[in-house]
Amino acid sequence: MKKQFYKKWWFWAIILGVGLIGSFVQEDEEKEKAPVTKQEDAAERTKEEKKVKEKEPEQTEEEKEEEEEKTRKTYIGSAEEFGYKDIAREPDKYEGKIAKFTGEVTQVVEATFGDPAYRISVNENEYGLWEDVIYVTYKVKDGDVRILEDDIVTIYGELKGLQKYETVLGNKMSIPSLAAKYIVIKD
């Protein structure tokens, strides 16, 4: 008695092969179609954005400066003064809060690439000496004057927890860190 063809191994191998080839062909077709629709969507969005920009009148330089000044005043007004020991003792509790400190620039850390960082002493003792150092990062803007060691500054920015670093003598240090948005040099 002869086996029926659908019970033979080669029949099922052919069926499996055709099924696999069919699934690969279908995936390739979907991949080819997808970028076209994305490109069309992107082109439509670009056209819509251009229409919106055409309808909106552009701000004058004076209006931009007024808006920036308003934003600056709002930010500075929202800054709170915190005690150094509080933020040093519980940095996680204060992380993300907008803070204000006045102090003396103890060190300017010049970066090879990017913006400088500063070590700023924020508490003046009874002898007129500054102590209690915080680590401050700041993105220098066009037109900003350089900040130098011994400058007295007021800084406004977001507390970022602790900054860990190694001193020249090899000691490990952790000090409060702040990402400054505005730095004002006192005269």
N, C-alpha and C. Protein backbone atom coordinates (compact mmCIF):
# COMPACT_ATOMS: atom_id res chain seq x y z
N MET A 1 0.84 -1.17 0.00
CA MET A 1 0.00 0.00 0.00
C MET A 1 0.89 1.23 0.00
N LYS A 2 0.55 2.12 -0.86
CA LYS A 2 1.32 3.33 -1.04
C LYS A 2 0.80 4.41 -0.11
N LYS A 3 1.79 5.21 0.55
CA LYS A 3 1.40 6.29 1.45
C LYS A 3 0.77 7.41 0.65
N GLN A 4 -0.21 8.06 1.25
CA GLN A 4 -0.80 9.22 0.60
C GLN A 4 0.20 10.38 0.68
N PHE A 5 0.19 11.23 -0.35
CA PHE A 5 1.21 12.27 -0.47
C PHE A 5 1.25 13.21 0.74
N TYR A 6 0.12 13.47 1.37
CA TYR A 6 0.11 14.41 2.50
C TYR A 6 0.70 13.80 3.77
N LYS A 7 1.01 12.52 3.74
CA LYS A 7 1.65 11.86 4.87
C LYS A 7 3.16 11.73 4.67
N LYS A 8 3.68 12.18 3.58
CA LYS A 8 5.11 12.09 3.30
C LYS A 8 5.83 13.31 3.85
N TRP A 9 7.08 13.14 4.27
CA TRP A 9 7.87 14.20 4.90
C TRP A 9 8.15 15.35 3.94
N TRP A 10 8.42 15.04 2.66
CA TRP A 10 8.79 16.08 1.70
C TRP A 10 7.62 17.02 1.43
N PHE A 11 6.39 16.55 1.56
CA PHE A 11 5.21 17.40 1.36
C PHE A 11 5.17 18.48 2.44
N TRP A 12 5.38 18.07 3.69
CA TRP A 12 5.34 19.03 4.80
C TRP A 12 6.53 19.97 4.76
N ALA A 13 7.66 19.55 4.27
CA ALA A 13 8.83 20.42 4.12
C ALA A 13 8.54 21.52 3.10
N ILE A 14 7.87 21.16 2.02
CA ILE A 14 7.51 22.14 0.99
C ILE A 14 6.50 23.15 1.57
N ILE A 15 5.50 22.67 2.27
CA ILE A 15 4.49 23.55 2.88
C ILE A 15 5.16 24.53 3.85
N LEU A 16 6.04 24.01 4.70
CA LEU A 16 6.74 24.83 5.68
C LEU A 16 7.62 25.87 4.98
N GLY A 17 8.33 25.46 3.94
CA GLY A 17 9.19 26.38 3.18
C GLY A 17 8.39 27.49 2.53
N VAL A 18 7.27 27.17 1.90
CA VAL A 18 6.41 28.17 1.27
C VAL A 18 5.86 29.14 2.31
N GLY A 19 5.49 28.62 3.48
CA GLY A 19 4.97 29.47 4.55
C GLY A 19 6.01 30.46 5.05
N LEU A 20 7.24 29.98 5.25
CA LEU A 20 8.33 30.85 5.71
C LEU A 20 8.65 31.94 4.68
N ILE A 21 8.75 31.56 3.42
CA ILE A 21 9.04 32.53 2.36
C ILE A 21 7.92 33.56 2.28
N GLY A 22 6.69 33.12 2.41
CA GLY A 22 5.56 34.05 2.37
C GLY A 22 5.59 35.06 3.51
N SER A 23 5.98 34.63 4.70
CA SER A 23 6.02 35.56 5.84
C SER A 23 7.14 36.58 5.66
N PHE A 24 8.29 36.18 5.10
CA PHE A 24 9.37 37.12 4.87
C PHE A 24 9.00 38.15 3.80
N VAL A 25 8.33 37.72 2.75
CA VAL A 25 7.91 38.62 1.69
C VAL A 25 6.93 39.65 2.24
N GLN A 26 6.01 39.23 3.08
CA GLN A 26 5.01 40.13 3.66
C GLN A 26 5.69 41.17 4.55
N GLU A 27 6.69 40.78 5.37
CA GLU A 27 7.41 41.72 6.23
C GLU A 27 8.14 42.76 5.39
N ASP A 28 8.78 42.34 4.31
CA ASP A 28 9.51 43.27 3.45
C ASP A 28 8.56 44.29 2.83
N GLU A 29 7.39 43.86 2.42
CA GLU A 29 6.42 44.78 1.82
C GLU A 29 5.96 45.81 2.85
N GLU A 30 5.74 45.39 4.11
CA GLU A 30 5.32 46.31 5.16
C GLU A 30 6.41 47.34 5.45
N LYS A 31 7.67 46.90 5.45
CA LYS A 31 8.79 47.82 5.69
C LYS A 31 8.89 48.87 4.60
N GLU A 32 8.67 48.46 3.35
CA GLU A 32 8.75 49.40 2.23
C GLU A 32 7.62 50.42 2.29
N LYS A 33 6.45 50.03 2.74
CA LYS A 33 5.31 50.93 2.79
C LYS A 33 5.41 51.91 3.95
N ALA A 34 5.93 51.50 5.08
CA ALA A 34 5.96 52.33 6.28
C ALA A 34 6.70 53.64 6.10
N PRO A 35 7.92 53.68 5.55
CA PRO A 35 8.61 54.97 5.42
C PRO A 35 7.86 55.97 4.55
N VAL A 36 7.16 55.48 3.55
CA VAL A 36 6.44 56.38 2.67
C VAL A 36 5.37 57.14 3.46
N THR A 37 4.63 56.42 4.30
CA THR A 37 3.58 57.09 5.07
C THR A 37 4.20 58.04 6.09
N LYS A 38 5.32 57.67 6.69
CA LYS A 38 5.98 58.55 7.65
C LYS A 38 6.47 59.82 6.97
N GLN A 39 7.01 59.68 5.76
CA GLN A 39 7.48 60.85 5.02
C GLN A 39 6.31 61.76 4.67
N GLU A 40 5.21 61.16 4.26
CA GLU A 40 4.04 61.96 3.92
C GLU A 40 3.51 62.69 5.15
N ASP A 41 3.45 61.98 6.30
CA ASP A 41 3.01 62.61 7.54
C ASP A 41 3.93 63.76 7.93
N ALA A 42 5.22 63.55 7.80
CA ALA A 42 6.19 64.60 8.14
C ALA A 42 6.01 65.81 7.23
N ALA A 43 5.79 65.57 5.96
CA ALA A 43 5.59 66.66 5.01
C ALA A 43 4.32 67.45 5.36
N GLU A 44 3.26 66.73 5.72
CA GLU A 44 2.00 67.40 6.09
C GLU A 44 2.18 68.23 7.36
N ARG A 45 2.90 67.67 8.35
CA ARG A 45 3.14 68.41 9.60
C ARG A 45 3.96 69.66 9.34
N THR A 46 4.96 69.55 8.46
CA THR A 46 5.79 70.71 8.14
C THR A 46 4.95 71.79 7.48
N LYS A 47 4.05 71.41 6.60
CA LYS A 47 3.17 72.39 5.95
C LYS A 47 2.28 73.07 6.98
N GLU A 48 1.73 72.29 7.91
CA GLU A 48 0.86 72.85 8.95
C GLU A 48 1.63 73.80 9.85
N GLU A 49 2.87 73.43 10.21
CA GLU A 49 3.70 74.29 11.06
C GLU A 49 4.00 75.61 10.35
N LYS A 50 4.27 75.54 9.06
CA LYS A 50 4.54 76.77 8.30
C LYS A 50 3.31 77.68 8.30
N LYS A 51 2.13 77.09 8.14
CA LYS A 51 0.91 77.88 8.15
C LYS A 51 0.72 78.57 9.50
N VAL A 52 0.97 77.83 10.58
CA VAL A 52 0.82 78.40 11.92
C VAL A 52 1.82 79.54 12.11
N LYS A 53 3.06 79.35 11.68
CA LYS A 53 4.08 80.39 11.83
C LYS A 53 3.73 81.63 11.02
N GLU A 54 3.14 81.41 9.84
CA GLU A 54 2.76 82.55 9.00
C GLU A 54 1.64 83.36 9.67
N LYS A 55 0.73 82.68 10.37
CA LYS A 55 -0.37 83.36 11.01
C LYS A 55 0.10 84.14 12.24
N GLU A 56 1.12 83.60 12.98
CA GLU A 56 1.60 84.26 14.18
C GLU A 56 2.57 85.39 13.80
N PRO A 57 2.33 86.58 14.30
CA PRO A 57 3.29 87.64 14.03
C PRO A 57 4.56 87.39 14.84
N GLU A 58 5.71 87.64 14.24
CA GLU A 58 6.97 87.42 14.94
C GLU A 58 7.18 88.49 15.99
N GLN A 59 7.80 88.10 17.10
CA GLN A 59 8.08 89.03 18.17
C GLN A 59 9.24 89.93 17.77
N THR A 60 9.15 91.17 18.18
CA THR A 60 10.27 92.08 17.96
C THR A 60 11.34 91.77 18.99
N GLU A 61 12.52 92.28 18.76
CA GLU A 61 13.63 92.07 19.70
C GLU A 61 13.29 92.62 21.08
N GLU A 62 12.62 93.75 21.09
CA GLU A 62 12.23 94.38 22.36
C GLU A 62 11.24 93.51 23.12
N GLU A 63 10.28 92.92 22.41
CA GLU A 63 9.29 92.05 23.05
C GLU A 63 9.95 90.80 23.62
N LYS A 64 10.93 90.25 22.90
CA LYS A 64 11.65 89.07 23.38
C LYS A 64 12.40 89.40 24.66
N GLU A 65 13.07 90.57 24.68
CA GLU A 65 13.82 90.98 25.87
C GLU A 65 12.88 91.20 27.05
N GLU A 66 11.72 91.80 26.80
CA GLU A 66 10.74 92.01 27.87
C GLU A 66 10.25 90.68 28.44
N GLU A 67 9.99 89.72 27.55
CA GLU A 67 9.53 88.41 27.98
C GLU A 67 10.61 87.68 28.78
N GLU A 68 11.87 87.77 28.32
CA GLU A 68 12.98 87.14 29.04
C GLU A 68 13.14 87.77 30.42
N GLU A 69 13.01 89.08 30.50
CA GLU A 69 13.15 89.78 31.79
C GLU A 69 12.02 89.38 32.74
N LYS A 70 10.83 89.23 32.19
CA LYS A 70 9.68 88.81 33.00
C LYS A 70 9.91 87.39 33.54
N THR A 71 10.40 86.51 32.69
CA THR A 71 10.71 85.14 33.09
C THR A 71 11.80 85.14 34.17
N ARG A 72 12.83 85.96 33.97
CA ARG A 72 13.93 86.07 34.93
C ARG A 72 13.42 86.54 36.29
N LYS A 73 12.59 87.57 36.31
CA LYS A 73 12.06 88.10 37.57
C LYS A 73 11.18 87.07 38.27
N THR A 74 10.38 86.36 37.52
CA THR A 74 9.53 85.31 38.09
C THR A 74 10.38 84.21 38.73
N TYR A 75 11.42 83.78 38.01
CA TYR A 75 12.31 82.73 38.51
C TYR A 75 13.01 83.19 39.79
N ILE A 76 13.59 84.38 39.73
CA ILE A 76 14.30 84.92 40.89
C ILE A 76 13.34 85.08 42.08
N GLY A 77 12.13 85.53 41.81
CA GLY A 77 11.13 85.69 42.87
C GLY A 77 10.73 84.37 43.51
N SER A 78 10.83 83.28 42.76
CA SER A 78 10.43 81.97 43.28
C SER A 78 11.54 81.30 44.09
N ALA A 79 12.75 81.84 44.03
CA ALA A 79 13.88 81.22 44.73
C ALA A 79 13.77 81.41 46.24
N GLU A 80 14.09 80.35 46.97
CA GLU A 80 14.04 80.38 48.43
C GLU A 80 15.46 80.33 48.99
N GLU A 81 15.65 80.90 50.18
CA GLU A 81 16.94 80.81 50.86
C GLU A 81 16.88 79.63 51.83
N PHE A 82 17.87 78.77 51.74
CA PHE A 82 17.96 77.60 52.61
C PHE A 82 19.25 77.68 53.41
N GLY A 83 19.25 77.09 54.58
CA GLY A 83 20.46 77.02 55.39
C GLY A 83 21.42 76.00 54.81
N TYR A 84 22.70 76.33 54.83
CA TYR A 84 23.71 75.42 54.28
C TYR A 84 23.67 74.05 54.98
N LYS A 85 23.60 74.04 56.28
CA LYS A 85 23.61 72.77 57.02
C LYS A 85 22.39 71.91 56.67
N ASP A 86 21.26 72.57 56.41
CA ASP A 86 20.05 71.82 56.05
C ASP A 86 20.24 71.09 54.73
N ILE A 87 20.74 71.79 53.71
CA ILE A 87 20.88 71.15 52.39
C ILE A 87 22.05 70.16 52.37
N ALA A 88 23.05 70.39 53.24
CA ALA A 88 24.18 69.45 53.32
C ALA A 88 23.76 68.18 54.06
N ARG A 89 22.93 68.33 55.07
CA ARG A 89 22.51 67.19 55.89
C ARG A 89 21.46 66.33 55.17
N GLU A 90 20.51 66.97 54.50
CA GLU A 90 19.44 66.23 53.82
C GLU A 90 19.31 66.69 52.36
N PRO A 91 20.30 66.37 51.54
CA PRO A 91 20.29 66.86 50.15
C PRO A 91 19.10 66.35 49.32
N ASP A 92 18.65 65.14 49.58
CA ASP A 92 17.53 64.58 48.81
C ASP A 92 16.23 65.32 49.08
N LYS A 93 16.08 65.82 50.29
CA LYS A 93 14.86 66.55 50.67
C LYS A 93 14.74 67.87 49.89
N TYR A 94 15.89 68.48 49.55
CA TYR A 94 15.89 69.78 48.90
C TYR A 94 16.15 69.69 47.39
N GLU A 95 16.49 68.53 46.91
CA GLU A 95 16.80 68.37 45.49
C GLU A 95 15.62 68.80 44.62
N GLY A 96 15.91 69.61 43.60
CA GLY A 96 14.88 70.08 42.68
C GLY A 96 14.27 71.42 43.07
N LYS A 97 14.55 71.90 44.29
CA LYS A 97 14.00 73.18 44.73
C LYS A 97 14.84 74.32 44.18
N ILE A 98 14.17 75.44 43.94
CA ILE A 98 14.84 76.65 43.44
C ILE A 98 15.38 77.41 44.65
N ALA A 99 16.70 77.68 44.62
CA ALA A 99 17.35 78.28 45.78
C ALA A 99 18.10 79.55 45.40
N LYS A 100 18.37 80.35 46.43
CA LYS A 100 19.14 81.59 46.28
C LYS A 100 20.25 81.59 47.33
N PHE A 101 21.47 81.87 46.89
CA PHE A 101 22.60 82.00 47.80
C PHE A 101 23.43 83.21 47.40
N THR A 102 24.02 83.87 48.37
CA THR A 102 24.99 84.92 48.12
C THR A 102 26.29 84.46 48.74
N GLY A 103 27.39 84.63 48.00
CA GLY A 103 28.66 84.17 48.54
C GLY A 103 29.84 84.62 47.71
N GLU A 104 31.00 84.13 48.10
CA GLU A 104 32.26 84.48 47.45
C GLU A 104 32.73 83.31 46.59
N VAL A 105 33.15 83.61 45.38
CA VAL A 105 33.67 82.57 44.49
C VAL A 105 35.05 82.16 45.02
N THR A 106 35.13 80.93 45.48
CA THR A 106 36.37 80.40 46.04
C THR A 106 37.26 79.85 44.93
N GLN A 107 36.64 79.22 43.94
CA GLN A 107 37.41 78.60 42.85
C GLN A 107 36.57 78.59 41.58
N VAL A 108 37.24 78.90 40.47
CA VAL A 108 36.63 78.76 39.15
C VAL A 108 37.25 77.52 38.53
N VAL A 109 36.40 76.55 38.19
CA VAL A 109 36.87 75.30 37.59
C VAL A 109 36.64 75.42 36.08
N GLU A 110 37.71 75.81 35.37
CA GLU A 110 37.62 75.97 33.92
C GLU A 110 37.55 74.61 33.26
N ALA A 111 36.64 74.47 32.33
CA ALA A 111 36.48 73.21 31.61
C ALA A 111 37.16 73.29 30.25
N THR A 112 37.77 72.19 29.83
CA THR A 112 38.38 72.14 28.51
C THR A 112 37.29 72.29 27.45
N PHE A 113 36.20 71.56 27.65
CA PHE A 113 35.04 71.65 26.78
C PHE A 113 33.84 72.00 27.64
N GLY A 114 33.03 72.90 27.17
CA GLY A 114 31.82 73.22 27.92
C GLY A 114 32.02 74.41 28.84
N ASP A 115 31.10 74.54 29.76
CA ASP A 115 31.04 75.70 30.64
C ASP A 115 31.80 75.45 31.94
N PRO A 116 32.25 76.54 32.58
CA PRO A 116 32.97 76.38 33.85
C PRO A 116 32.02 76.02 34.98
N ALA A 117 32.61 75.58 36.09
CA ALA A 117 31.88 75.34 37.32
C ALA A 117 32.57 76.18 38.39
N TYR A 118 31.88 76.36 39.51
CA TYR A 118 32.41 77.23 40.56
C TYR A 118 32.24 76.57 41.92
N ARG A 119 33.19 76.82 42.80
CA ARG A 119 33.03 76.50 44.21
C ARG A 119 32.78 77.83 44.88
N ILE A 120 31.63 77.96 45.52
CA ILE A 120 31.23 79.24 46.11
C ILE A 120 30.96 79.04 47.59
N SER A 121 31.63 79.86 48.41
CA SER A 121 31.42 79.85 49.86
C SER A 121 30.23 80.75 50.15
N VAL A 122 29.25 80.22 50.89
CA VAL A 122 27.97 80.93 51.01
C VAL A 122 27.65 81.50 52.39
N ASN A 123 28.52 81.31 53.35
CA ASN A 123 28.28 81.87 54.68
C ASN A 123 29.48 82.68 55.12
N GLU A 124 29.24 83.92 55.50
CA GLU A 124 30.31 84.80 55.98
C GLU A 124 30.33 84.72 57.51
N ASN A 125 31.51 84.41 58.07
CA ASN A 125 31.60 84.30 59.54
C ASN A 125 31.83 85.67 60.18
N GLU A 126 31.98 85.70 61.50
CA GLU A 126 32.10 86.98 62.22
C GLU A 126 33.40 87.72 61.90
N TYR A 127 34.37 87.05 61.28
CA TYR A 127 35.64 87.69 60.93
C TYR A 127 35.66 88.16 59.48
N GLY A 128 34.55 88.02 58.78
CA GLY A 128 34.47 88.44 57.39
C GLY A 128 35.00 87.41 56.40
N LEU A 129 35.26 86.20 56.87
CA LEU A 129 35.74 85.12 56.01
C LEU A 129 34.55 84.27 55.57
N TRP A 130 34.61 83.81 54.33
CA TRP A 130 33.52 83.01 53.78
C TRP A 130 33.82 81.53 53.98
N GLU A 131 32.78 80.75 54.31
CA GLU A 131 32.91 79.30 54.50
C GLU A 131 31.66 78.60 53.99
N ASP A 132 31.60 77.30 54.13
CA ASP A 132 30.48 76.47 53.68
C ASP A 132 30.33 76.54 52.15
N VAL A 133 31.02 75.65 51.49
CA VAL A 133 31.16 75.68 50.03
C VAL A 133 30.07 74.85 49.35
N ILE A 134 29.54 75.42 48.26
CA ILE A 134 28.65 74.65 47.38
C ILE A 134 29.26 74.62 45.98
N TYR A 135 28.93 73.60 45.23
CA TYR A 135 29.42 73.41 43.87
C TYR A 135 28.34 73.92 42.91
N VAL A 136 28.71 74.85 42.03
CA VAL A 136 27.74 75.50 41.16
C VAL A 136 28.12 75.28 39.70
N THR A 137 27.18 74.76 38.92
CA THR A 137 27.36 74.68 37.46
C THR A 137 26.52 75.79 36.84
N TYR A 138 26.99 76.30 35.70
CA TYR A 138 26.28 77.41 35.06
C TYR A 138 26.56 77.39 33.57
N LYS A 139 25.52 77.47 32.77
CA LYS A 139 25.67 77.54 31.32
C LYS A 139 25.83 79.01 30.95
N VAL A 140 27.03 79.37 30.53
CA VAL A 140 27.34 80.76 30.21
C VAL A 140 26.56 81.17 28.96
N LYS A 141 25.91 82.33 29.06
CA LYS A 141 25.11 82.87 27.95
C LYS A 141 25.91 83.92 27.21
N ASP A 142 25.55 84.18 25.97
CA ASP A 142 26.20 85.24 25.20
C ASP A 142 26.05 86.56 25.94
N GLY A 143 27.13 87.31 26.03
CA GLY A 143 27.08 88.61 26.68
C GLY A 143 27.37 88.57 28.16
N ASP A 144 27.48 87.38 28.76
CA ASP A 144 27.80 87.27 30.19
C ASP A 144 29.26 87.67 30.41
N VAL A 145 29.51 88.38 31.50
CA VAL A 145 30.89 88.68 31.86
C VAL A 145 31.47 87.49 32.60
N ARG A 146 32.78 87.38 32.58
CA ARG A 146 33.43 86.27 33.28
C ARG A 146 33.30 86.43 34.78
N ILE A 147 33.13 85.33 35.44
CA ILE A 147 33.09 85.31 36.89
C ILE A 147 34.47 84.88 37.37
N LEU A 148 35.03 85.64 38.29
CA LEU A 148 36.38 85.41 38.74
C LEU A 148 36.40 85.01 40.22
N GLU A 149 37.53 84.42 40.64
CA GLU A 149 37.69 84.11 42.06
C GLU A 149 37.63 85.40 42.86
N ASP A 150 37.08 85.31 44.04
CA ASP A 150 36.90 86.43 44.97
C ASP A 150 35.73 87.35 44.61
N ASP A 151 35.03 87.09 43.51
CA ASP A 151 33.81 87.86 43.21
C ASP A 151 32.75 87.51 44.24
N ILE A 152 31.97 88.51 44.65
CA ILE A 152 30.81 88.26 45.50
C ILE A 152 29.62 88.18 44.55
N VAL A 153 28.90 87.06 44.61
CA VAL A 153 27.82 86.81 43.66
C VAL A 153 26.55 86.37 44.39
N THR A 154 25.42 86.59 43.73
CA THR A 154 24.16 86.00 44.17
C THR A 154 23.76 85.03 43.07
N ILE A 155 23.49 83.81 43.48
CA ILE A 155 23.14 82.76 42.50
C ILE A 155 21.73 82.28 42.74
N TYR A 156 21.04 82.00 41.64
CA TYR A 156 19.68 81.48 41.67
C TYR A 156 19.69 80.22 40.81
N GLY A 157 19.21 79.11 41.37
CA GLY A 157 19.20 77.89 40.58
C GLY A 157 18.55 76.73 41.31
N GLU A 158 18.65 75.57 40.68
CA GLU A 158 18.01 74.36 41.19
C GLU A 158 19.02 73.51 41.95
N LEU A 159 18.66 73.13 43.16
CA LEU A 159 19.52 72.26 43.97
C LEU A 159 19.57 70.87 43.35
N LYS A 160 20.77 70.30 43.29
CA LYS A 160 20.98 69.03 42.59
C LYS A 160 21.56 67.93 43.48
N GLY A 161 21.37 68.02 44.78
CA GLY A 161 21.90 66.98 45.66
C GLY A 161 23.35 67.25 46.01
N LEU A 162 24.16 66.18 46.03
CA LEU A 162 25.57 66.32 46.39
C LEU A 162 26.48 66.14 45.18
N GLN A 163 27.58 66.88 45.17
CA GLN A 163 28.63 66.72 44.17
C GLN A 163 29.81 66.07 44.88
N LYS A 164 30.27 64.96 44.36
CA LYS A 164 31.41 64.26 44.96
C LYS A 164 32.64 64.52 44.09
N TYR A 165 33.76 64.79 44.76
CA TYR A 165 35.00 65.01 44.03
C TYR A 165 36.19 64.66 44.92
N GLU A 166 37.36 64.63 44.30
CA GLU A 166 38.58 64.32 45.01
C GLU A 166 39.43 65.58 45.09
N THR A 167 39.91 65.90 46.28
CA THR A 167 40.73 67.10 46.47
C THR A 167 42.14 66.87 45.93
N VAL A 168 42.92 67.93 45.90
CA VAL A 168 44.31 67.85 45.43
C VAL A 168 45.11 66.86 46.28
N LEU A 169 44.81 66.81 47.57
CA LEU A 169 45.53 65.90 48.47
C LEU A 169 44.98 64.48 48.44
N GLY A 170 43.95 64.23 47.64
CA GLY A 170 43.41 62.88 47.49
C GLY A 170 42.24 62.56 48.40
N ASN A 171 41.77 63.51 49.16
CA ASN A 171 40.61 63.28 50.03
C ASN A 171 39.34 63.28 49.20
N LYS A 172 38.38 62.49 49.60
CA LYS A 172 37.07 62.46 48.93
C LYS A 172 36.15 63.44 49.64
N MET A 173 35.48 64.30 48.86
CA MET A 173 34.59 65.32 49.43
C MET A 173 33.22 65.22 48.78
N SER A 174 32.19 65.58 49.54
CA SER A 174 30.82 65.70 49.03
C SER A 174 30.29 67.03 49.51
N ILE A 175 29.86 67.87 48.56
CA ILE A 175 29.30 69.17 48.92
C ILE A 175 28.00 69.37 48.17
N PRO A 176 27.11 70.22 48.70
CA PRO A 176 25.85 70.49 47.99
C PRO A 176 26.12 71.05 46.59
N SER A 177 25.24 70.72 45.67
CA SER A 177 25.40 71.14 44.28
C SER A 177 24.17 71.92 43.83
N LEU A 178 24.42 72.90 42.96
CA LEU A 178 23.34 73.73 42.45
C LEU A 178 23.59 74.01 40.97
N ALA A 179 22.57 73.86 40.15
CA ALA A 179 22.65 74.22 38.73
C ALA A 179 22.08 75.63 38.61
N ALA A 180 22.96 76.61 38.46
CA ALA A 180 22.54 78.01 38.45
C ALA A 180 21.88 78.37 37.13
N LYS A 181 20.80 79.13 37.23
CA LYS A 181 20.14 79.66 36.04
C LYS A 181 20.57 81.13 35.86
N TYR A 182 20.75 81.83 36.97
CA TYR A 182 21.19 83.23 36.93
C TYR A 182 22.26 83.45 37.99
N ILE A 183 23.29 84.20 37.61
CA ILE A 183 24.34 84.62 38.54
C ILE A 183 24.49 86.12 38.40
N VAL A 184 24.38 86.82 39.53
CA VAL A 184 24.50 88.28 39.54
C VAL A 184 25.76 88.62 40.34
N ILE A 185 26.68 89.37 39.72
CA ILE A 185 27.91 89.78 40.40
C ILE A 185 27.61 91.06 41.16
N LYS A 186 27.96 91.05 42.46
CA LYS A 186 27.76 92.24 43.31
C LYS A 186 28.91 93.21 43.07
N ASP A 187 28.61 94.49 43.07
CA ASP A 187 29.65 95.51 42.90
C ASP A 187 30.34 95.82 44.20
